[in-house]
Protein backbone atom coordinates (compact mmCIF):
# COMPACT_ATOMS: atom_id res chain seq x y z
CA UNK A 1 -27.86 43.73 0.31
CA UNK A 2 -25.65 41.98 2.83
CA UNK A 3 -22.66 40.32 1.20
CA UNK A 4 -22.96 37.13 3.23
CA UNK A 5 -26.62 36.63 2.29
CA UNK A 6 -27.03 33.29 0.48
CA UNK A 7 -27.66 33.63 -3.25
CA UNK A 8 -28.16 31.23 -6.12
CA UNK A 9 -24.38 30.70 -6.46
CA UNK A 10 -23.19 31.50 -2.91
CA UNK A 11 -22.94 29.26 0.14
CA UNK A 12 -23.32 30.56 3.66
CA UNK A 13 -20.02 31.49 5.36
CA UNK A 14 -19.93 28.27 7.35
CA UNK A 15 -20.55 26.33 4.17
CA UNK A 16 -17.76 28.19 2.36
CA UNK A 17 -15.26 27.37 5.11
CA UNK A 18 -16.23 23.70 5.06
CA UNK A 19 -15.89 23.58 1.28
CA UNK A 20 -12.44 25.18 1.38
CA UNK A 21 -11.26 22.73 4.02
CA UNK A 22 -12.57 19.77 2.02
CA UNK A 23 -10.85 21.07 -1.12
CA UNK A 24 -7.59 21.52 0.81
CA UNK A 25 -7.67 17.96 2.13
CA UNK A 26 -8.42 16.56 -1.32
CA UNK A 27 -5.74 18.68 -3.01
CA UNK A 28 -8.32 20.22 -5.35
CA UNK A 29 -7.56 23.26 -7.45
CA UNK A 30 -5.19 23.88 -10.35
CA UNK A 31 -2.77 25.82 -8.13
CA UNK A 32 -2.36 23.08 -5.54
CA UNK A 33 0.26 20.35 -5.96
CA UNK A 34 0.57 17.21 -3.87
CA UNK A 35 3.32 17.36 -1.24
CA UNK A 36 6.75 16.18 -2.40
CA UNK A 37 8.79 13.92 -0.17
CA UNK A 38 12.44 14.87 -0.36
CA UNK A 39 15.17 12.28 -0.60
CA UNK A 40 17.69 11.97 2.20
CA UNK A 41 21.01 13.68 1.45
CA UNK A 42 23.30 11.28 -0.36
CA UNK A 43 26.89 11.66 -1.46
CA UNK A 44 29.43 10.37 -3.93
CA UNK A 45 32.20 8.50 -2.13
CA UNK A 46 35.64 7.24 -3.01
CA UNK A 47 36.95 3.76 -2.24
CA UNK A 48 37.89 4.80 1.30
CA UNK A 49 34.35 5.93 2.02
CA UNK A 50 35.25 9.63 2.06
CA UNK A 51 32.40 11.83 0.90
CA UNK A 52 33.19 13.78 -2.27
CA UNK A 53 29.98 15.74 -2.77
CA UNK A 54 26.22 15.59 -3.15
CA UNK A 55 24.72 13.35 -5.81
CA UNK A 56 21.25 13.37 -7.29
CA UNK A 57 19.15 10.32 -6.35
CA UNK A 58 18.30 8.02 -9.27
CA UNK A 59 14.78 8.17 -10.64
CA UNK A 60 13.95 4.63 -9.53
CA UNK A 61 15.25 5.10 -5.97
CA UNK A 62 12.47 4.84 -3.35
CA UNK A 63 11.65 8.04 -1.54
CA UNK A 64 13.27 8.29 1.85
CA UNK A 65 16.02 5.79 0.86
CA UNK A 66 19.44 6.39 2.43
CA UNK A 67 22.50 5.56 0.37
CA UNK A 68 25.35 3.73 2.13
CA UNK A 69 27.34 6.95 1.63
CA UNK A 70 24.67 9.13 3.22
CA UNK A 71 25.83 11.16 6.18
CA UNK A 72 25.39 8.97 9.27
CA UNK A 73 23.61 10.43 12.25
CA UNK A 74 23.56 9.61 15.90
CA UNK A 75 21.63 10.64 18.97
CA UNK A 76 18.77 9.41 21.07
CA UNK A 77 16.30 12.09 20.06
CA UNK A 78 15.40 13.55 16.71
CA UNK A 79 16.48 16.99 17.87
CA UNK A 80 19.89 15.78 19.00
CA UNK A 81 21.25 14.23 15.81
CA UNK A 82 24.61 15.31 14.45
CA UNK A 83 26.18 14.34 11.13
CA UNK A 84 29.60 12.69 11.33
CA UNK A 85 31.25 13.38 7.99
CA UNK A 86 34.76 12.16 8.74
CA UNK A 87 35.94 8.59 8.50
CA UNK A 88 39.63 8.86 9.51
CA UNK A 89 40.80 10.82 12.52
CA UNK A 90 44.00 11.41 14.47
CA UNK A 91 43.76 12.58 18.09
CA UNK A 92 46.83 13.67 20.03
CA UNK A 93 46.70 12.90 23.72
CA UNK A 94 43.93 10.42 23.00
CA UNK A 95 44.90 7.88 25.66
CA UNK A 96 43.59 9.80 28.67
CA UNK A 97 41.22 12.53 29.74
CA UNK A 98 39.21 14.49 27.22
CA UNK A 99 41.16 13.00 24.30
CA UNK A 100 40.21 9.47 25.30
CA UNK A 101 36.53 10.38 25.59
CA UNK A 102 36.62 12.01 22.14
CA UNK A 103 38.43 9.01 20.64
CA UNK A 104 35.91 6.60 22.16
CA UNK A 105 33.01 8.65 20.83
CA UNK A 106 34.26 8.70 17.24
CA UNK A 107 35.20 5.02 17.38
CA UNK A 108 31.71 4.11 18.55
CA UNK A 109 30.23 6.00 15.61
CA UNK A 110 32.19 4.34 12.85
CA UNK A 111 35.34 6.43 12.45
CA UNK A 112 38.85 5.01 12.15
CA UNK A 113 40.90 6.73 14.87
CA UNK A 114 44.67 6.90 15.32
CA UNK A 115 45.66 7.74 18.90
CA UNK A 116 48.97 9.59 19.34
CA UNK A 117 50.18 9.58 22.94
CA UNK A 118 53.13 8.85 25.24
CA UNK A 119 51.04 6.65 27.55
CA UNK A 120 51.66 3.26 25.97
CA UNK A 121 49.54 1.22 28.39
CA UNK A 122 46.39 3.31 28.08
CA UNK A 123 46.83 3.86 24.36
CA UNK A 124 47.25 0.18 23.57
CA UNK A 125 44.32 -0.79 25.79
CA UNK A 126 42.03 1.52 23.81
CA UNK A 127 43.41 0.29 20.49
CA UNK A 128 42.79 -3.32 21.51
CA UNK A 129 39.19 -2.55 22.43
CA UNK A 130 38.19 -1.32 18.96
CA UNK A 131 39.05 -2.86 15.60
CA UNK A 132 39.17 0.57 13.95
CA UNK A 133 41.63 2.08 16.45
CA UNK A 134 45.40 2.38 16.04
CA UNK A 135 47.92 3.51 18.63
CA UNK A 136 50.93 5.59 17.66
CA UNK A 137 53.44 6.05 20.53
CA UNK A 138 55.00 9.48 20.15
CA UNK A 139 56.25 12.32 22.34
CA UNK A 140 55.48 15.80 21.01
CA UNK A 141 58.35 17.20 23.09
CA UNK A 142 60.78 15.59 20.64
CA UNK A 143 58.57 15.36 17.57
CA UNK A 144 60.42 14.04 14.54
CA UNK A 145 59.27 13.67 10.96
CA UNK A 146 59.91 9.93 11.11
CA UNK A 147 57.30 9.48 13.85
CA UNK A 148 54.48 9.32 11.30
CA UNK A 149 54.26 5.83 9.79
CA UNK A 150 54.03 5.45 6.03
CA UNK A 151 50.78 3.52 6.52
CA UNK A 152 48.98 6.54 7.99
CA UNK A 153 46.15 7.28 5.57
CA UNK A 154 45.05 10.83 4.73
CA UNK A 155 42.93 12.30 7.51
CA UNK A 156 39.47 13.81 7.55
CA UNK A 157 39.78 14.98 11.16
CA UNK A 158 42.73 16.10 13.28
CA UNK A 159 42.19 16.94 16.96
CA UNK A 160 45.14 18.69 18.62
CA UNK A 161 44.31 17.79 22.20
CA UNK A 162 47.57 16.77 23.90
CA UNK A 163 48.58 19.04 26.74
CA UNK A 164 50.61 19.09 29.94
CA UNK A 165 50.88 21.67 32.69
CA UNK A 166 53.25 22.89 35.36
CA UNK A 167 51.96 24.98 38.25
CA UNK A 168 53.38 26.84 41.20
CA UNK A 169 55.27 30.04 41.92
CA UNK A 170 56.25 31.29 38.47
CA UNK A 171 59.54 32.80 39.67
CA UNK A 172 60.66 29.47 41.13
CA UNK A 173 59.68 27.06 38.34
CA UNK A 174 62.44 25.39 36.33
CA UNK A 175 62.76 26.75 32.81
CA UNK A 176 63.15 23.24 31.40
CA UNK A 177 59.70 22.26 32.65
CA UNK A 178 58.16 25.35 31.07
CA UNK A 179 59.86 24.60 27.75
CA UNK A 180 58.37 21.10 27.82
CA UNK A 181 54.90 22.61 28.31
CA UNK A 182 55.31 24.77 25.22
CA UNK A 183 56.76 21.85 23.23
CA UNK A 184 53.74 19.62 23.88
CA UNK A 185 50.92 22.14 23.96
CA UNK A 186 51.93 24.24 20.96
CA UNK A 187 55.22 23.62 19.13
CA UNK A 188 54.67 19.87 18.76
CA UNK A 189 51.29 20.45 17.12
CA UNK A 190 52.78 23.05 14.78
CA UNK A 191 55.40 20.55 13.61
CA UNK A 192 52.80 17.79 13.29
CA UNK A 193 50.48 19.86 11.10
CA UNK A 194 53.35 21.08 8.95
CA UNK A 195 54.42 17.50 8.32
CA UNK A 196 50.88 16.39 7.49
CA UNK A 197 50.56 19.22 4.97
CA UNK A 198 53.95 18.49 3.42
CA UNK A 199 53.03 14.84 2.89
CA UNK A 200 49.46 15.60 1.74
CA UNK A 201 47.96 13.58 4.58
CA UNK A 202 45.04 15.94 5.13
CA UNK A 203 42.11 15.40 2.79
CA UNK A 204 40.40 18.26 1.03
CA UNK A 205 37.74 19.54 3.40
CA UNK A 206 39.44 18.12 6.50
CA UNK A 207 38.50 19.46 9.91
CA UNK A 208 41.30 20.76 12.15
CA UNK A 209 40.33 21.03 15.82
CA UNK A 210 42.40 22.74 18.50
CA UNK A 211 41.61 22.12 22.17
CA UNK A 212 42.61 25.46 23.64
CA UNK A 213 41.50 26.53 27.11
CA UNK A 214 39.20 28.97 28.87
CA UNK A 215 42.43 30.44 30.29
CA UNK A 216 42.34 32.45 27.06
CA UNK A 217 39.71 34.51 28.90
CA UNK A 218 40.65 34.01 32.57
CA UNK A 219 44.20 34.90 33.68
CA UNK A 220 45.71 31.83 35.37
CA UNK A 221 48.58 33.02 37.60
CA UNK A 222 49.25 29.64 39.23
CA UNK A 223 50.02 28.05 35.83
CA UNK A 224 51.45 30.89 33.77
CA UNK A 225 53.29 28.72 31.25
CA UNK A 226 50.26 26.51 30.64
CA UNK A 227 48.02 29.51 29.99
CA UNK A 228 50.63 31.08 27.70
CA UNK A 229 51.12 27.87 25.71
CA UNK A 230 47.38 27.46 25.16
CA UNK A 231 47.15 31.11 24.09
CA UNK A 232 49.95 30.42 21.60
CA UNK A 233 48.02 27.42 20.25
CA UNK A 234 44.95 29.63 19.91
CA UNK A 235 46.96 32.21 17.98
CA UNK A 236 48.43 29.56 15.70
CA UNK A 237 44.98 28.16 14.93
CA UNK A 238 43.68 31.65 14.12
CA UNK A 239 46.59 32.31 11.75
CA UNK A 240 46.31 28.86 10.15
CA UNK A 241 42.64 29.21 9.25
CA UNK A 242 43.05 31.43 6.16
CA UNK A 243 46.11 29.38 5.09
CA UNK A 244 44.12 26.13 4.75
CA UNK A 245 40.86 27.72 3.66
CA UNK A 246 41.69 27.30 -0.02
CA UNK A 247 41.76 23.52 0.45
CA UNK A 248 38.28 23.56 1.95
CA UNK A 249 39.61 22.82 5.45
CA UNK A 250 38.00 24.28 8.54
CA UNK A 251 39.58 25.28 11.84
CA UNK A 252 37.64 24.88 15.09
CA UNK A 253 38.97 26.24 18.39
CA UNK A 254 37.53 24.74 21.58
CA UNK A 255 37.76 26.52 24.95
CA UNK A 256 36.79 24.09 27.74
CA UNK A 257 36.59 25.31 31.30
CA UNK A 258 38.00 23.38 34.27
CA UNK A 259 37.73 19.63 33.68
CA UNK A 260 38.09 16.67 36.01
CA UNK A 261 41.17 15.25 34.33
CA UNK A 262 44.51 14.03 35.61
CA UNK A 263 46.70 17.11 35.48
CA UNK A 264 44.36 19.40 37.46
CA UNK A 265 45.22 17.41 40.61
CA UNK A 266 48.58 19.18 40.66
CA UNK A 267 47.11 22.68 40.90
CA UNK A 268 47.44 24.47 44.22
CA UNK A 269 43.70 25.13 44.52
CA UNK A 270 42.64 21.62 43.47
CA UNK A 271 39.15 20.67 44.64
CA UNK A 272 37.89 17.21 43.72
CA UNK A 273 34.32 18.47 43.43
CA UNK A 274 35.11 21.27 41.00
CA UNK A 275 35.24 21.03 37.25
CA UNK A 276 33.19 19.29 34.59
CA UNK A 277 33.41 15.66 33.56
CA UNK A 278 34.84 15.41 30.02
CA UNK A 279 31.91 13.22 28.97
CA UNK A 280 29.52 16.13 29.46
CA UNK A 281 31.23 18.48 26.99
CA UNK A 282 31.93 15.99 24.19
CA UNK A 283 28.47 16.37 22.54
CA UNK A 284 28.96 20.14 22.24
CA UNK A 285 32.43 19.66 20.76
CA UNK A 286 31.23 17.06 18.25
CA UNK A 287 28.34 19.29 17.14
CA UNK A 288 30.66 22.25 16.70
CA UNK A 289 33.13 20.21 14.66
CA UNK A 290 30.39 18.73 12.45
CA UNK A 291 29.04 22.23 11.76
CA UNK A 292 32.56 23.63 11.19
CA UNK A 293 32.11 26.26 13.88
CA UNK A 294 35.11 28.52 14.38
CA UNK A 295 34.71 28.77 18.16
CA UNK A 296 33.16 26.30 20.60
CA UNK A 297 32.42 27.17 24.24
CA UNK A 298 31.37 23.69 25.41
CA UNK A 299 30.41 24.32 29.05
CA UNK A 300 28.85 26.91 31.32
CA UNK A 301 32.17 28.02 32.82
CA UNK A 302 33.70 28.77 29.42
CA UNK A 303 30.67 30.80 28.36
CA UNK A 304 30.68 32.84 31.58
CA UNK A 305 34.41 33.49 31.33
CA UNK A 306 34.02 34.59 27.73
CA UNK A 307 31.35 37.09 28.73
CA UNK A 308 33.51 38.26 31.64
CA UNK A 309 36.42 38.89 29.29
CA UNK A 310 34.35 41.55 27.56
CA UNK A 311 34.52 43.70 30.72
CA UNK A 312 38.02 45.27 30.87
CA UNK A 313 39.96 44.35 34.01
CA UNK A 314 37.21 42.25 35.61
CA UNK A 315 38.75 38.78 35.30
CA UNK A 316 42.32 39.80 36.28
CA UNK A 317 40.94 41.22 39.53
CA UNK A 318 38.89 38.08 40.19
CA UNK A 319 41.88 35.86 39.41
CA UNK A 320 44.06 37.74 41.88
CA UNK A 321 41.45 37.42 44.62
CA UNK A 322 41.02 33.70 44.01
CA UNK A 323 44.70 32.75 43.76
CA UNK A 324 46.50 35.37 45.87
CA UNK A 325 47.17 32.89 48.69
CA UNK A 326 49.10 30.73 46.22
CA UNK A 327 51.10 33.50 44.55
CA UNK A 328 54.71 34.36 45.28
CA UNK A 329 55.94 37.28 47.39
CA UNK A 330 56.05 39.48 44.30
CA UNK A 331 52.25 39.60 44.12
CA UNK A 332 51.03 43.18 43.87
CA UNK A 333 48.55 44.70 46.33
CA UNK A 334 44.99 44.51 45.13
CA UNK A 335 44.76 48.28 44.63
CA UNK A 336 48.10 48.62 42.83
CA UNK A 337 48.29 49.86 39.26
CA UNK A 338 50.87 49.02 36.63
């Protein structure tokens, strides 16, 4: 007897399929439960609005309700939404360039941002534009413990972005200018973070972000001191990560490629059409910070240079070919070995 032959208690195959589909739609069967709608993630918050941890939604709370302390999201499409967990941020070098774009972004999404910079005009103009922005005039070259005001509240986000550069023939550059590059790009940030830790001005779970450079992958012979200072900042961030891990803090290192910012105009090979606008890499940086990523390669150039660094000797040869017309007389022949 064929198994699909209709019997007194058996429907034809087509009838069985229709019955199963009808039962599925009606939720019939002891093993089937109606779908459960999950509540949006909500958090316990302190008086300053800082999230302290997840909380269970009350029994009488409507499904899908978002608490005022729920993680805010932003984005124009459902697939491009990023949680912004921090409420208080400090950005060094936030008056111009990439720092200004980052400061503007966080201000527009509800964060309170303190801008630390030497450019008083640009810093004050940004602070006057937003009610939740403060400007702190300070020079990292001569950072002093008294530069931090007593009113500075504990931070949820610190972005070490300030940086200067000096370019030209390395053998002819003044040592004082190179020392200033190291003071701003690396040493000033080390002193700043040490002071913040000493005074407990970094909240538990704070995010520490270091804007390094893709020169960590590509040798940069026309700005040796700049590349070395950014490499030092990268090394400091790497060493700091396990030190602050016990306090729940995360360290994110960002390696942007060439950007269309002010200081690149002083490079010998400056081309106005080259580089990426800072606005284009900010979304990648913000996503990486929100997800506590350890390394962020925010643009195509940085990703290509990172891959190139995995091939021994490739990028030094390319750097020499690109910049050899701007190097000093001590430049080695292309086929020389050291």
